[in-house]
Full PDB file with SEQRES, HELIX, SHEET, SSBOND, CRYST1, ORIGX, SCALE, CONECT and MASTER records, all heavy atoms in Angstrom:
SEQRES   1 A   39  VAL CYS VAL VAL ALA SER ALA GLY CYS GLY SER LEU ARG          
SEQRES   2 A   39  ARG MET GLU GLY GLU ALA GLU TYR LEU ARG GLN HIS VAL          
SEQRES   3 A   39  TYR ASP TYR ASP TYR ASP VAL PRO LEU ASP THR LEU TRP          
HELIX    1 AA1 CYS A    2  VAL A   26  1                                  25    
HELIX    2 AA2 LEU A   35  LEU A   38  1                                   4    
CRYST1    1.000    1.000    1.000  90.00  90.00  90.00 P 1           1          
ORIGX1      1.000000  0.000000  0.000000        0.00000                         
ORIGX2      0.000000  1.000000  0.000000        0.00000                         
ORIGX3      0.000000  0.000000  1.000000        0.00000                         
SCALE1      1.000000  0.000000  0.000000        0.00000                         
SCALE2      0.000000  1.000000  0.000000        0.00000                         
SCALE3      0.000000  0.000000  1.000000        0.00000                         
ATOM      1  N   VAL A   1      88.714  65.167  98.357  1.00  0.00           N  
ATOM      2  CA  VAL A   1      89.920  65.351  99.172  1.00  0.00           C  
ATOM      3  C   VAL A   1      90.946  66.177  98.401  1.00  0.00           C  
ATOM      4  O   VAL A   1      91.561  67.093  98.947  1.00  0.00           O  
ATOM      5  CB  VAL A   1      90.516  63.993  99.598  1.00  0.00           C  
ATOM      6  CG1 VAL A   1      91.909  64.162 100.181  1.00  0.00           C  
ATOM      7  CG2 VAL A   1      89.601  63.312 100.596  1.00  0.00           C  
ATOM      8  N   CYS A   2      91.134  65.889  97.117  1.00  0.00           N  
ATOM      9  CA  CYS A   2      92.093  66.637  96.296  1.00  0.00           C  
ATOM     10  C   CYS A   2      91.693  68.104  96.157  1.00  0.00           C  
ATOM     11  O   CYS A   2      92.544  68.998  96.232  1.00  0.00           O  
ATOM     12  CB  CYS A   2      92.229  66.002  94.914  1.00  0.00           C  
ATOM     13  SG  CYS A   2      93.105  64.426  94.954  1.00  0.00           S  
ATOM     14  N   VAL A   3      90.416  68.370  95.963  1.00  0.00           N  
ATOM     15  CA  VAL A   3      89.943  69.748  95.819  1.00  0.00           C  
ATOM     16  C   VAL A   3      90.157  70.518  97.118  1.00  0.00           C  
ATOM     17  O   VAL A   3      90.652  71.649  97.113  1.00  0.00           O  
ATOM     18  CB  VAL A   3      88.455  69.787  95.390  1.00  0.00           C  
ATOM     19  CG1 VAL A   3      87.877  71.185  95.522  1.00  0.00           C  
ATOM     20  CG2 VAL A   3      88.311  69.282  93.960  1.00  0.00           C  
ATOM     21  N   VAL A   4      89.823  69.912  98.234  1.00  0.00           N  
ATOM     22  CA  VAL A   4      89.999  70.561  99.541  1.00  0.00           C  
ATOM     23  C   VAL A   4      91.478  70.801  99.817  1.00  0.00           C  
ATOM     24  O   VAL A   4      91.877  71.889 100.256  1.00  0.00           O  
ATOM     25  CB  VAL A   4      89.341  69.728 100.663  1.00  0.00           C  
ATOM     26  CG1 VAL A   4      89.726  70.250 102.032  1.00  0.00           C  
ATOM     27  CG2 VAL A   4      87.833  69.714 100.497  1.00  0.00           C  
ATOM     28  N   ALA A   5      92.327  69.809  99.541  1.00  0.00           N  
ATOM     29  CA  ALA A   5      93.764  69.960  99.769  1.00  0.00           C  
ATOM     30  C   ALA A   5      94.340  71.038  98.865  1.00  0.00           C  
ATOM     31  O   ALA A   5      95.187  71.841  99.291  1.00  0.00           O  
ATOM     32  CB  ALA A   5      94.476  68.629  99.535  1.00  0.00           C  
ATOM     33  N   SER A   6      93.886  71.093  97.647  1.00  0.00           N  
ATOM     34  CA  SER A   6      94.370  72.107  96.710  1.00  0.00           C  
ATOM     35  C   SER A   6      94.004  73.508  97.191  1.00  0.00           C  
ATOM     36  O   SER A   6      94.819  74.434  97.135  1.00  0.00           O  
ATOM     37  CB  SER A   6      93.778  71.863  95.326  1.00  0.00           C  
ATOM     38  OG  SER A   6      94.132  72.896  94.447  1.00  0.00           O  
ATOM     39  N   ALA A   7      92.793  73.678  97.663  1.00  0.00           N  
ATOM     40  CA  ALA A   7      92.361  74.979  98.177  1.00  0.00           C  
ATOM     41  C   ALA A   7      93.192  75.371  99.400  1.00  0.00           C  
ATOM     42  O   ALA A   7      93.587  76.521  99.552  1.00  0.00           O  
ATOM     43  CB  ALA A   7      90.879  74.955  98.522  1.00  0.00           C  
ATOM     44  N   GLY A   8      93.455  74.410 100.254  1.00  0.00           N  
ATOM     45  CA  GLY A   8      94.264  74.674 101.444  1.00  0.00           C  
ATOM     46  C   GLY A   8      95.681  75.057 101.086  1.00  0.00           C  
ATOM     47  O   GLY A   8      96.252  75.984 101.659  1.00  0.00           O  
ATOM     48  N   CYS A   9      96.273  74.380 100.115  1.00  0.00           N  
ATOM     49  CA  CYS A   9      97.633  74.714  99.677  1.00  0.00           C  
ATOM     50  C   CYS A   9      97.669  76.104  99.055  1.00  0.00           C  
ATOM     51  O   CYS A   9      98.614  76.857  99.269  1.00  0.00           O  
ATOM     52  CB  CYS A   9      98.135  73.680  98.667  1.00  0.00           C  
ATOM     53  SG  CYS A   9      98.493  72.081  99.403  1.00  0.00           S  
ATOM     54  N   GLY A  10      96.647  76.445  98.286  1.00  0.00           N  
ATOM     55  CA  GLY A  10      96.579  77.779  97.689  1.00  0.00           C  
ATOM     56  C   GLY A  10      96.510  78.856  98.748  1.00  0.00           C  
ATOM     57  O   GLY A  10      97.142  79.908  98.633  1.00  0.00           O  
ATOM     58  N   SER A  11      95.759  78.584  99.803  1.00  0.00           N  
ATOM     59  CA  SER A  11      95.635  79.542 100.896  1.00  0.00           C  
ATOM     60  C   SER A  11      96.975  79.717 101.612  1.00  0.00           C  
ATOM     61  O   SER A  11      97.360  80.835 101.947  1.00  0.00           O  
ATOM     62  CB  SER A  11      94.565  79.072 101.872  1.00  0.00           C  
ATOM     63  OG  SER A  11      94.458  79.963 102.943  1.00  0.00           O  
ATOM     64  N   LEU A  12      97.692  78.621 101.821  1.00  0.00           N  
ATOM     65  CA  LEU A  12      98.999  78.701 102.464  1.00  0.00           C  
ATOM     66  C   LEU A  12      99.995  79.448 101.587  1.00  0.00           C  
ATOM     67  O   LEU A  12     100.777  80.264 102.081  1.00  0.00           O  
ATOM     68  CB  LEU A  12      99.533  77.301 102.781  1.00  0.00           C  
ATOM     69  CG  LEU A  12      98.817  76.555 103.897  1.00  0.00           C  
ATOM     70  CD1 LEU A  12      99.350  75.140 104.020  1.00  0.00           C  
ATOM     71  CD2 LEU A  12      98.980  77.292 105.211  1.00  0.00           C  
ATOM     72  N   ARG A  13      99.962  79.194 100.288  1.00  0.00           N  
ATOM     73  CA  ARG A  13     100.863  79.909  99.373  1.00  0.00           C  
ATOM     74  C   ARG A  13     100.539  81.401  99.367  1.00  0.00           C  
ATOM     75  O   ARG A  13     101.435  82.238  99.320  1.00  0.00           O  
ATOM     76  CB  ARG A  13     100.754  79.334  97.961  1.00  0.00           C  
ATOM     77  CG  ARG A  13     101.461  77.990  97.799  1.00  0.00           C  
ATOM     78  CD  ARG A  13     101.592  77.595  96.338  1.00  0.00           C  
ATOM     79  NE  ARG A  13     100.334  77.534  95.631  1.00  0.00           N  
ATOM     80  CZ  ARG A  13      99.578  76.459  95.511  1.00  0.00           C  
ATOM     81  NH1 ARG A  13      99.952  75.327  96.067  1.00  0.00           N  
ATOM     82  NH2 ARG A  13      98.443  76.502  94.828  1.00  0.00           N  
ATOM     83  N   ARG A  14      99.257  81.747  99.426  1.00  0.00           N  
ATOM     84  CA  ARG A  14      98.848  83.151  99.467  1.00  0.00           C  
ATOM     85  C   ARG A  14      99.395  83.825 100.714  1.00  0.00           C  
ATOM     86  O   ARG A  14      99.978  84.901 100.658  1.00  0.00           O  
ATOM     87  CB  ARG A  14      97.321  83.274  99.428  1.00  0.00           C  
ATOM     88  CG  ARG A  14      96.837  84.738  99.513  1.00  0.00           C  
ATOM     89  CD  ARG A  14      95.326  84.842  99.670  1.00  0.00           C  
ATOM     90  NE  ARG A  14      94.797  84.111 100.796  1.00  0.00           N  
ATOM     91  CZ  ARG A  14      94.857  84.512 102.073  1.00  0.00           C  
ATOM     92  NH1 ARG A  14      95.435  85.639 102.392  1.00  0.00           N  
ATOM     93  NH2 ARG A  14      94.344  83.776 103.034  1.00  0.00           N  
ATOM     94  N   MET A  15      99.228  83.176 101.853  1.00  0.00           N  
ATOM     95  CA  MET A  15      99.698  83.745 103.123  1.00  0.00           C  
ATOM     96  C   MET A  15     101.218  83.907 103.111  1.00  0.00           C  
ATOM     97  O   MET A  15     101.741  84.929 103.562  1.00  0.00           O  
ATOM     98  CB  MET A  15      99.252  82.872 104.297  1.00  0.00           C  
ATOM     99  CG  MET A  15      97.764  82.973 104.572  1.00  0.00           C  
ATOM    100  SD  MET A  15      97.070  81.831 105.804  1.00  0.00           S  
ATOM    101  CE  MET A  15      98.383  81.462 106.886  1.00  0.00           C  
ATOM    102  N   GLU A  16     101.936  82.923 102.595  1.00  0.00           N  
ATOM    103  CA  GLU A  16     103.395  83.014 102.550  1.00  0.00           C  
ATOM    104  C   GLU A  16     103.842  84.090 101.568  1.00  0.00           C  
ATOM    105  O   GLU A  16     104.808  84.810 101.825  1.00  0.00           O  
ATOM    106  CB  GLU A  16     104.018  81.663 102.184  1.00  0.00           C  
ATOM    107  CG  GLU A  16     105.527  81.662 102.228  1.00  0.00           C  
ATOM    108  CD  GLU A  16     106.127  82.151 103.551  1.00  0.00           C  
ATOM    109  OE1 GLU A  16     105.572  81.867 104.625  1.00  0.00           O  
ATOM    110  OE2 GLU A  16     107.173  82.834 103.491  1.00  0.00           O  
ATOM    111  N   GLY A  17     103.130  84.228 100.454  1.00  0.00           N  
ATOM    112  CA  GLY A  17     103.448  85.290  99.494  1.00  0.00           C  
ATOM    113  C   GLY A  17     103.281  86.667 100.109  1.00  0.00           C  
ATOM    114  O   GLY A  17     104.118  87.560  99.914  1.00  0.00           O  
ATOM    115  N   GLU A  18     102.212  86.852 100.868  1.00  0.00           N  
ATOM    116  CA  GLU A  18     101.991  88.133 101.553  1.00  0.00           C  
ATOM    117  C   GLU A  18     103.079  88.394 102.590  1.00  0.00           C  
ATOM    118  O   GLU A  18     103.625  89.495 102.666  1.00  0.00           O  
ATOM    119  CB  GLU A  18     100.618  88.139 102.240  1.00  0.00           C  
ATOM    120  CG  GLU A  18      99.455  88.236 101.295  1.00  0.00           C  
ATOM    121  CD  GLU A  18      98.111  88.225 102.007  1.00  0.00           C  
ATOM    122  OE1 GLU A  18      98.076  88.352 103.245  1.00  0.00           O  
ATOM    123  OE2 GLU A  18      97.094  88.090 101.308  1.00  0.00           O  
ATOM    124  N   ALA A  19     103.400  87.378 103.380  1.00  0.00           N  
ATOM    125  CA  ALA A  19     104.396  87.537 104.438  1.00  0.00           C  
ATOM    126  C   ALA A  19     105.770  87.863 103.847  1.00  0.00           C  
ATOM    127  O   ALA A  19     106.484  88.727 104.369  1.00  0.00           O  
ATOM    128  CB  ALA A  19     104.470  86.271 105.292  1.00  0.00           C  
ATOM    129  N   GLU A  20     106.137  87.199 102.766  1.00  0.00           N  
ATOM    130  CA  GLU A  20     107.433  87.452 102.130  1.00  0.00           C  
ATOM    131  C   GLU A  20     107.501  88.879 101.598  1.00  0.00           C  
ATOM    132  O   GLU A  20     108.518  89.565 101.761  1.00  0.00           O  
ATOM    133  CB  GLU A  20     107.682  86.448 101.002  1.00  0.00           C  
ATOM    134  CG  GLU A  20     109.001  86.640 100.290  1.00  0.00           C  
ATOM    135  CD  GLU A  20     110.211  86.462 101.195  1.00  0.00           C  
ATOM    136  OE1 GLU A  20     110.119  85.728 102.195  1.00  0.00           O  
ATOM    137  OE2 GLU A  20     111.252  87.081 100.893  1.00  0.00           O  
ATOM    138  N   TYR A  21     106.438  89.344 100.987  1.00  0.00           N  
ATOM    139  CA  TYR A  21     106.391  90.711 100.471  1.00  0.00           C  
ATOM    140  C   TYR A  21     106.563  91.717 101.620  1.00  0.00           C  
ATOM    141  O   TYR A  21     107.345  92.656 101.510  1.00  0.00           O  
ATOM    142  CB  TYR A  21     105.065  90.954  99.747  1.00  0.00           C  
ATOM    143  CG  TYR A  21     104.969  92.310  99.096  1.00  0.00           C  
ATOM    144  CD1 TYR A  21     105.327  92.487  97.769  1.00  0.00           C  
ATOM    145  CD2 TYR A  21     104.516  93.415  99.807  1.00  0.00           C  
ATOM    146  CE1 TYR A  21     105.243  93.741  97.166  1.00  0.00           C  
ATOM    147  CE2 TYR A  21     104.430  94.666  99.219  1.00  0.00           C  
ATOM    148  CZ  TYR A  21     104.794  94.819  97.901  1.00  0.00           C  
ATOM    149  OH  TYR A  21     104.714  96.058  97.315  1.00  0.00           O  
ATOM    150  N   LEU A  22     105.848  91.499 102.713  1.00  0.00           N  
ATOM    151  CA  LEU A  22     105.968  92.396 103.870  1.00  0.00           C  
ATOM    152  C   LEU A  22     107.393  92.411 104.417  1.00  0.00           C  
ATOM    153  O   LEU A  22     107.954  93.468 104.680  1.00  0.00           O  
ATOM    154  CB  LEU A  22     104.996  91.992 104.977  1.00  0.00           C  
ATOM    155  CG  LEU A  22     103.530  92.305 104.746  1.00  0.00           C  
ATOM    156  CD1 LEU A  22     102.694  91.759 105.895  1.00  0.00           C  
ATOM    157  CD2 LEU A  22     103.308  93.789 104.581  1.00  0.00           C  
ATOM    158  N   ARG A  23     107.977  91.221 104.573  1.00  0.00           N  
ATOM    159  CA  ARG A  23     109.346  91.148 105.101  1.00  0.00           C  
ATOM    160  C   ARG A  23     110.313  91.943 104.217  1.00  0.00           C  
ATOM    161  O   ARG A  23     111.158  92.677 104.711  1.00  0.00           O  
ATOM    162  CB  ARG A  23     109.806  89.694 105.204  1.00  0.00           C  
ATOM    163  CG  ARG A  23     109.251  88.961 106.401  1.00  0.00           C  
ATOM    164  CD  ARG A  23     109.949  87.634 106.617  1.00  0.00           C  
ATOM    165  NE  ARG A  23     109.758  86.687 105.532  1.00  0.00           N  
ATOM    166  CZ  ARG A  23     108.800  85.776 105.475  1.00  0.00           C  
ATOM    167  NH1 ARG A  23     107.926  85.686 106.455  1.00  0.00           N  
ATOM    168  NH2 ARG A  23     108.721  84.953 104.470  1.00  0.00           N  
ATOM    169  N   GLN A  24     110.171  91.789 102.911  1.00  0.00           N  
ATOM    170  CA  GLN A  24     111.076  92.485 101.989  1.00  0.00           C  
ATOM    171  C   GLN A  24     110.894  94.001 102.052  1.00  0.00           C  
ATOM    172  O   GLN A  24     111.864  94.746 101.941  1.00  0.00           O  
ATOM    173  CB  GLN A  24     110.849  92.007 100.562  1.00  0.00           C  
ATOM    174  CG  GLN A  24     111.328  90.602 100.322  1.00  0.00           C  
ATOM    175  CD  GLN A  24     110.980  90.117  98.922  1.00  0.00           C  
ATOM    176  OE1 GLN A  24     110.345  90.814  98.142  1.00  0.00           O  
ATOM    177  NE2 GLN A  24     111.407  88.906  98.614  1.00  0.00           N  
ATOM    178  N   HIS A  25     109.673  94.465 102.220  1.00  0.00           N  
ATOM    179  CA  HIS A  25     109.425  95.906 102.161  1.00  0.00           C  
ATOM    180  C   HIS A  25     109.621  96.636 103.488  1.00  0.00           C  
ATOM    181  O   HIS A  25     109.741  97.857 103.493  1.00  0.00           O  
ATOM    182  CB  HIS A  25     108.037  96.178 101.566  1.00  0.00           C  
ATOM    183  CG  HIS A  25     108.051  95.999 100.089  1.00  0.00           C  
ATOM    184  ND1 HIS A  25     107.978  94.765  99.491  1.00  0.00           N  
ATOM    185  CD2 HIS A  25     108.171  96.892  99.088  1.00  0.00           C  
ATOM    186  CE1 HIS A  25     108.040  94.903  98.191  1.00  0.00           C  
ATOM    187  NE2 HIS A  25     108.164  96.192  97.917  1.00  0.00           N  
ATOM    188  N   VAL A  26     109.663  95.931 104.587  1.00  0.00           N  
ATOM    189  CA  VAL A  26     109.950  96.602 105.859  1.00  0.00           C  
ATOM    190  C   VAL A  26     111.386  96.365 106.314  1.00  0.00           C  
ATOM    191  O   VAL A  26     111.852  97.024 107.231  1.00  0.00           O  
ATOM    192  CB  VAL A  26     108.965  96.192 106.990  1.00  0.00           C  
ATOM    193  CG1 VAL A  26     107.530  96.466 106.600  1.00  0.00           C  
ATOM    194  CG2 VAL A  26     109.152  94.749 107.402  1.00  0.00           C  
ATOM    195  N   TYR A  27     112.102  95.478 105.646  1.00  0.00           N  
ATOM    196  CA  TYR A  27     113.437  95.066 106.102  1.00  0.00           C  
ATOM    197  C   TYR A  27     114.392  96.241 106.278  1.00  0.00           C  
ATOM    198  O   TYR A  27     115.021  96.386 107.314  1.00  0.00           O  
ATOM    199  CB  TYR A  27     114.027  94.033 105.138  1.00  0.00           C  
ATOM    200  CG  TYR A  27     115.339  93.494 105.622  1.00  0.00           C  
ATOM    201  CD1 TYR A  27     115.382  92.583 106.668  1.00  0.00           C  
ATOM    202  CD2 TYR A  27     116.540  93.900 105.065  1.00  0.00           C  
ATOM    203  CE1 TYR A  27     116.578  92.094 107.149  1.00  0.00           C  
ATOM    204  CE2 TYR A  27     117.741  93.414 105.528  1.00  0.00           C  
ATOM    205  CZ  TYR A  27     117.754  92.510 106.564  1.00  0.00           C  
ATOM    206  OH  TYR A  27     118.947  92.032 107.037  1.00  0.00           O  
ATOM    207  N   ASP A  28     114.538  97.071 105.281  1.00  0.00           N  
ATOM    208  CA  ASP A  28     115.488  98.183 105.347  1.00  0.00           C  
ATOM    209  C   ASP A  28     114.797  99.529 105.515  1.00  0.00           C  
ATOM    210  O   ASP A  28     115.364 100.563 105.173  1.00  0.00           O  
ATOM    211  CB  ASP A  28     116.337  98.230 104.067  1.00  0.00           C  
ATOM    212  CG  ASP A  28     117.341  97.100 104.001  1.00  0.00           C  
ATOM    213  OD1 ASP A  28     117.876  96.736 105.062  1.00  0.00           O  
ATOM    214  OD2 ASP A  28     117.584  96.586 102.903  1.00  0.00           O  
ATOM    215  N   TYR A  29     113.595  99.515 106.035  1.00  0.00           N  
ATOM    216  CA  TYR A  29     112.841 100.754 106.130  1.00  0.00           C  
ATOM    217  C   TYR A  29     113.525 101.718 107.096  1.00  0.00           C  
ATOM    218  O   TYR A  29     113.965 101.335 108.175  1.00  0.00           O  
ATOM    219  CB  TYR A  29     111.404 100.482 106.591  1.00  0.00           C  
ATOM    220  CG  TYR A  29     110.482 101.608 106.239  1.00  0.00           C  
ATOM    221  CD1 TYR A  29     109.903 101.669 104.985  1.00  0.00           C  
ATOM    222  CD2 TYR A  29     110.237 102.634 107.134  1.00  0.00           C  
ATOM    223  CE1 TYR A  29     109.075 102.728 104.639  1.00  0.00           C  
ATOM    224  CE2 TYR A  29     109.414 103.695 106.791  1.00  0.00           C  
ATOM    225  CZ  TYR A  29     108.839 103.729 105.540  1.00  0.00           C  
ATOM    226  OH  TYR A  29     108.037 104.781 105.197  1.00  0.00           O  
ATOM    227  N   ASP A  30     113.626 102.977 106.684  1.00  0.00           N  
ATOM    228  CA  ASP A  30     114.169 103.989 107.577  1.00  0.00           C  
ATOM    229  C   ASP A  30     113.204 105.167 107.645  1.00  0.00           C  
ATOM    230  O   ASP A  30     112.338 105.327 106.794  1.00  0.00           O  
ATOM    231  CB  ASP A  30     115.572 104.437 107.164  1.00  0.00           C  
ATOM    232  CG  ASP A  30     115.647 104.945 105.740  1.00  0.00           C  
ATOM    233  OD1 ASP A  30     114.605 105.264 105.138  1.00  0.00           O  
ATOM    234  OD2 ASP A  30     116.763 105.040 105.205  1.00  0.00           O  
ATOM    235  N   TYR A  31     113.342 105.938 108.694  1.00  0.00           N  
ATOM    236  CA  TYR A  31     112.385 107.003 109.008  1.00  0.00           C  
ATOM    237  C   TYR A  31     113.068 108.356 108.983  1.00  0.00           C  
ATOM    238  O   TYR A  31     114.200 108.494 109.463  1.00  0.00           O  
ATOM    239  CB  TYR A  31     111.777 106.776 110.396  1.00  0.00           C  
ATOM    240  CG  TYR A  31     111.012 105.492 110.523  1.00  0.00           C  
ATOM    241  CD1 TYR A  31     111.673 104.296 110.796  1.00  0.00           C  
ATOM    242  CD2 TYR A  31     109.632 105.470 110.376  1.00  0.00           C  
ATOM    243  CE1 TYR A  31     110.967 103.108 110.925  1.00  0.00           C  
ATOM    244  CE2 TYR A  31     108.923 104.287 110.503  1.00  0.00           C  
ATOM    245  CZ  TYR A  31     109.598 103.113 110.771  1.00  0.00           C  
ATOM    246  OH  TYR A  31     108.897 101.947 110.887  1.00  0.00           O  
ATOM    247  N   ASP A  32     112.367 109.339 108.496  1.00  0.00           N  
ATOM    248  CA  ASP A  32     112.859 110.708 108.467  1.00  0.00           C  
ATOM    249  C   ASP A  32     112.295 111.468 109.674  1.00  0.00           C  
ATOM    250  O   ASP A  32     111.685 112.520 109.535  1.00  0.00           O  
ATOM    251  CB  ASP A  32     112.461 111.387 107.154  1.00  0.00           C  
ATOM    252  CG  ASP A  32     113.149 112.726 106.962  1.00  0.00           C  
ATOM    253  OD1 ASP A  32     114.210 112.933 107.581  1.00  0.00           O  
ATOM    254  OD2 ASP A  32     112.629 113.563 106.209  1.00  0.00           O  
ATOM    255  N   VAL A  33     112.469 110.876 110.830  1.00  0.00           N  
ATOM    256  CA  VAL A  33     112.045 111.495 112.094  1.00  0.00           C  
ATOM    257  C   VAL A  33     113.185 111.305 113.094  1.00  0.00           C  
ATOM    258  O   VAL A  33     113.995 110.387 112.957  1.00  0.00           O  
ATOM    259  CB  VAL A  33     110.740 110.869 112.659  1.00  0.00           C  
ATOM    260  CG1 VAL A  33     109.575 111.090 111.714  1.00  0.00           C  
ATOM    261  CG2 VAL A  33     110.916 109.405 112.966  1.00  0.00           C  
ATOM    262  N   PRO A  34     113.271 112.149 114.101  1.00  0.00           N  
ATOM    263  CA  PRO A  34     114.316 111.972 115.117  1.00  0.00           C  
ATOM    264  C   PRO A  34     114.166 110.616 115.815  1.00  0.00           C  
ATOM    265  O   PRO A  34     113.046 110.110 115.999  1.00  0.00           O  
ATOM    266  CB  PRO A  34     114.068 113.123 116.092  1.00  0.00           C  
ATOM    267  CG  PRO A  34     113.267 114.127 115.333  1.00  0.00           C  
ATOM    268  CD  PRO A  34     112.456 113.346 114.344  1.00  0.00           C  
ATOM    269  N   LEU A  35     115.286 110.055 116.208  1.00  0.00           N  
ATOM    270  CA  LEU A  35     115.276 108.761 116.886  1.00  0.00           C  
ATOM    271  C   LEU A  35     114.425 108.797 118.146  1.00  0.00           C  
ATOM    272  O   LEU A  35     113.696 107.837 118.427  1.00  0.00           O  
ATOM    273  CB  LEU A  35     116.707 108.322 117.215  1.00  0.00           C  
ATOM    274  CG  LEU A  35     116.852 106.935 117.835  1.00  0.00           C  
ATOM    275  CD1 LEU A  35     116.300 105.866 116.903  1.00  0.00           C  
ATOM    276  CD2 LEU A  35     118.293 106.654 118.173  1.00  0.00           C  
ATOM    277  N   ASP A  36     114.464 109.881 118.895  1.00  0.00           N  
ATOM    278  CA  ASP A  36     113.653 109.992 120.112  1.00  0.00           C  
ATOM    279  C   ASP A  36     112.165 109.838 119.792  1.00  0.00           C  
ATOM    280  O   ASP A  36     111.428 109.162 120.514  1.00  0.00           O  
ATOM    281  CB  ASP A  36     113.882 111.335 120.808  1.00  0.00           C  
ATOM    282  CG  ASP A  36     115.240 111.429 121.474  1.00  0.00           C  
ATOM    283  OD1 ASP A  36     115.847 110.378 121.751  1.00  0.00           O  
ATOM    284  OD2 ASP A  36     115.683 112.561 121.730  1.00  0.00           O  
ATOM    285  N   THR A  37     111.718 110.450 118.710  1.00  0.00           N  
ATOM    286  CA  THR A  37     110.310 110.372 118.304  1.00  0.00           C  
ATOM    287  C   THR A  37     109.945 108.952 117.888  1.00  0.00           C  
ATOM    288  O   THR A  37     108.905 108.420 118.286  1.00  0.00           O  
ATOM    289  CB  THR A  37     110.034 111.351 117.142  1.00  0.00           C  
ATOM    290  OG1 THR A  37     110.385 112.668 117.567  1.00  0.00           O  
ATOM    291  CG2 THR A  37     108.578 111.308 116.715  1.00  0.00           C  
ATOM    292  N   LEU A  38     110.811 108.338 117.091  1.00  0.00           N  
ATOM    293  CA  LEU A  38     110.562 106.965 116.636  1.00  0.00           C  
ATOM    294  C   LEU A  38     110.509 106.011 117.824  1.00  0.00           C  
ATOM    295  O   LEU A  38     109.594 105.189 117.935  1.00  0.00           O  
ATOM    296  CB  LEU A  38     111.655 106.545 115.656  1.00  0.00           C  
ATOM    297  CG  LEU A  38     111.550 105.139 115.085  1.00  0.00           C  
ATOM    298  CD1 LEU A  38     110.288 104.989 114.247  1.00  0.00           C  
ATOM    299  CD2 LEU A  38     112.788 104.817 114.244  1.00  0.00           C  
ATOM    300  N   TRP A  39     111.460 106.138 118.734  1.00  0.00           N  
ATOM    301  CA  TRP A  39     111.524 105.253 119.901  1.00  0.00           C  
ATOM    302  C   TRP A  39     110.292 105.420 120.787  1.00  0.00           C  
ATOM    303  O   TRP A  39     109.697 104.437 121.222  1.00  0.00           O  
ATOM    304  CB  TRP A  39     112.800 105.511 120.684  1.00  0.00           C  
ATOM    305  CG  TRP A  39     112.983 104.567 121.828  1.00  0.00           C  
ATOM    306  CD1 TRP A  39     112.930 104.872 123.153  1.00  0.00           C  
ATOM    307  CD2 TRP A  39     113.224 103.160 121.742  1.00  0.00           C  
ATOM    308  NE1 TRP A  39     113.128 103.737 123.904  1.00  0.00           N  
ATOM    309  CE2 TRP A  39     113.313 102.672 123.059  1.00  0.00           C  
ATOM    310  CE3 TRP A  39     113.366 102.271 120.689  1.00  0.00           C  
ATOM    311  CZ2 TRP A  39     113.547 101.339 123.349  1.00  0.00           C  
ATOM    312  CZ3 TRP A  39     113.604 100.930 120.972  1.00  0.00           C  
ATOM    313  CH2 TRP A  39     113.691 100.475 122.285  1.00  0.00           C  
TER     314      TRP A  39                                                      
MASTER        0    0    0    2    0    0    0    6  313    1    0    3          
END                                                                             
């Protein structure tokens, strides 16, 4: 039970680490294209 729970917690931490990284790197992203093109 401990081994399975540990693996599950590691997987959740991995997913949250990935999500946090993505949020930080797209948060202030800006584009060098006209607004009409982006929209």
